[in-house]
Amino acid sequence: MPAEKAHLLLVAACALIDPDGRVLIAQRPEGKAFAGQWEFPGGKVEPGEYPEAAVVRELREELGVEPCERCLQPFAFASHPLEDGRHLLMPLYVCRKWDGFPDPKEGQQIAWVKPRDLSRYALLPADIPLAAELRDRL
């Protein structure tokens, strides 16, 4: 599809990394698209919102944690075509400092996973190259 006709979906995600070097991933709950697959927490960037603010908002809503916005480090991004003709652009941030303990608020399961073990999970297609970057660079 020509670039001038592409509909871009901007989503921001975060790899929370604990002191043991494990990354938090969440399993999409029943009733949502791609139920059962794993992803880095985050969500759509709302109109007028910048990606870092979206990450903070989404982690607060989804997991009940308050990430340190100035501690969000841009890490990598995914660019992935979607089946409906849109195109996903997803920056991934790394965060090592937040307040609170992750507590799933939307019925999702969570797991703390070593980067080398992320490939053992059924990740969403756009998250697969991000997981490889985490594995190779952390």
Protein backbone atom coordinates (compact mmCIF):
# COMPACT_ATOMS: atom_id res chain seq x y z
CA MET A 1 0.00 0.00 0.00
CA PRO A 2 1.44 3.41 -0.88
CA ALA A 3 2.64 5.36 2.16
CA GLU A 4 0.20 8.21 1.53
CA LYS A 5 -2.74 5.79 1.86
CA ALA A 6 -1.56 3.77 4.85
CA HIS A 7 -3.52 4.15 8.08
CA LEU A 8 -1.00 4.11 10.90
CA LEU A 9 -1.92 2.69 14.30
CA LEU A 10 0.44 4.03 16.97
CA VAL A 11 0.77 1.78 20.01
CA ALA A 12 3.37 2.18 22.79
CA ALA A 13 4.66 -0.74 24.87
CA CYS A 14 6.99 -1.22 27.79
CA ALA A 15 9.35 -3.92 28.97
CA LEU A 16 9.37 -3.66 32.75
CA ILE A 17 12.64 -5.19 33.90
CA ASP A 18 13.03 -6.38 37.48
CA PRO A 19 16.30 -6.45 39.50
CA ASP A 20 16.90 -10.07 38.37
CA GLY A 21 16.83 -8.99 34.70
CA ARG A 22 13.44 -10.57 33.98
CA VAL A 23 10.92 -8.91 31.66
CA LEU A 24 7.20 -8.72 32.40
CA ILE A 25 4.85 -9.98 29.70
CA ALA A 26 1.06 -10.27 29.80
CA GLN A 27 -1.26 -12.81 28.23
CA ARG A 28 -4.25 -11.36 26.41
CA PRO A 29 -7.45 -12.42 28.21
CA GLU A 30 -10.47 -14.23 26.77
CA GLY A 31 -12.78 -11.93 24.89
CA LYS A 32 -10.02 -9.76 23.44
CA ALA A 33 -8.45 -10.06 20.01
CA PHE A 34 -5.55 -12.51 20.01
CA ALA A 35 -6.70 -14.02 23.34
CA GLY A 36 -4.08 -16.33 24.82
CA GLN A 37 -1.12 -14.70 23.13
CA TRP A 38 1.55 -12.85 25.10
CA GLU A 39 2.63 -9.22 24.72
CA PHE A 40 4.56 -6.43 26.30
CA PRO A 41 2.12 -4.26 28.27
CA GLY A 42 0.98 -1.02 26.69
CA GLY A 43 -1.68 0.21 24.34
CA LYS A 44 -2.92 2.71 21.80
CA VAL A 45 -1.61 6.24 21.89
CA GLU A 46 -4.65 8.51 22.16
CA PRO A 47 -5.02 11.64 19.98
CA GLY A 48 -2.93 14.45 21.45
CA GLU A 49 -1.00 12.02 23.68
CA TYR A 50 2.68 11.25 23.33
CA PRO A 51 3.95 7.65 23.55
CA GLU A 52 5.59 7.94 26.98
CA ALA A 53 2.35 9.27 28.49
CA ALA A 54 0.46 6.39 26.87
CA VAL A 55 2.83 3.88 28.47
CA VAL A 56 2.37 5.44 31.91
CA ARG A 57 -1.43 5.51 31.50
CA GLU A 58 -1.66 1.97 30.17
CA LEU A 59 0.58 0.46 32.87
CA ARG A 60 -1.46 2.25 35.51
CA GLU A 61 -4.75 0.97 34.01
CA GLU A 62 -3.61 -2.57 33.13
CA LEU A 63 -1.24 -3.41 35.98
CA GLY A 64 -1.77 -0.85 38.74
CA VAL A 65 1.85 0.30 38.63
CA GLU A 66 3.20 3.80 38.31
CA PRO A 67 6.28 3.83 36.08
CA CYS A 68 8.80 6.61 36.39
CA GLU A 69 8.16 8.48 33.11
CA ARG A 70 11.65 9.99 33.01
CA CYS A 71 13.00 6.44 33.50
CA LEU A 72 11.36 5.18 30.28
CA GLN A 73 14.21 4.47 27.89
CA PRO A 74 13.40 4.17 24.17
CA PHE A 75 14.70 0.74 23.21
CA ALA A 76 13.39 -0.47 19.85
CA PHE A 77 10.29 -0.35 17.68
CA ALA A 78 8.13 -2.69 15.65
CA SER A 79 6.60 -1.88 12.28
CA HIS A 80 4.02 -4.49 11.34
CA PRO A 81 1.19 -4.72 8.76
CA LEU A 82 -2.21 -5.60 10.20
CA GLU A 83 -4.83 -7.80 8.53
CA ASP A 84 -7.34 -4.93 8.30
CA GLY A 85 -5.04 -2.86 6.07
CA ARG A 86 -3.71 -0.66 8.84
CA HIS A 87 -0.05 -0.59 9.81
CA LEU A 88 1.14 -0.86 13.41
CA LEU A 89 4.03 1.27 14.63
CA MET A 90 5.02 0.37 18.18
CA PRO A 91 7.87 1.92 20.12
CA LEU A 92 9.09 -0.27 22.99
CA TYR A 93 10.43 1.40 26.10
CA VAL A 94 12.46 -0.24 28.84
CA CYS A 95 11.70 0.69 32.44
CA ARG A 96 13.57 -0.49 35.52
CA LYS A 97 11.88 1.75 38.11
CA TRP A 98 8.21 1.96 39.04
CA ASP A 99 6.01 2.24 42.11
CA GLY A 100 3.71 -0.59 43.11
CA PHE A 101 3.52 -4.28 42.34
CA PRO A 102 2.10 -5.50 39.03
CA ASP A 103 -1.46 -6.64 39.63
CA PRO A 104 -3.39 -7.57 36.47
CA LYS A 105 -6.55 -5.44 36.28
CA GLU A 106 -8.07 -6.83 33.06
CA GLY A 107 -8.15 -10.57 33.72
CA GLN A 108 -4.81 -11.18 32.03
CA GLN A 109 -2.07 -13.48 33.27
CA ILE A 110 1.43 -12.07 33.71
CA ALA A 111 4.85 -13.70 33.75
CA TRP A 112 8.35 -12.53 34.59
CA VAL A 113 10.63 -14.05 31.95
CA LYS A 114 14.35 -13.99 31.28
CA PRO A 115 14.95 -12.37 27.86
CA ARG A 116 16.51 -15.59 26.53
CA ASP A 117 13.26 -17.44 27.33
CA LEU A 118 10.79 -15.04 25.67
CA SER A 119 10.73 -17.17 22.51
CA ARG A 120 9.06 -19.97 24.50
CA TYR A 121 5.88 -17.88 24.71
CA ALA A 122 3.29 -17.40 21.96
CA LEU A 123 4.00 -13.71 21.45
CA LEU A 124 1.96 -11.42 19.24
CA PRO A 125 3.63 -11.09 15.81
CA ALA A 126 4.77 -7.49 16.38
CA ASP A 127 6.32 -8.45 19.73
CA ILE A 128 8.49 -11.25 18.33
CA PRO A 129 11.25 -9.01 16.88
CA LEU A 130 11.16 -6.87 20.03
CA ALA A 131 11.71 -9.98 22.15
CA ALA A 132 14.71 -10.86 19.97
CA GLU A 133 16.14 -7.36 20.52
CA LEU A 134 15.72 -7.75 24.28
CA ARG A 135 17.40 -11.15 24.17
CA ASP A 136 20.31 -9.87 22.10
CA ARG A 137 20.87 -6.52 23.81
CA LEU A 138 20.16 -7.11 27.50
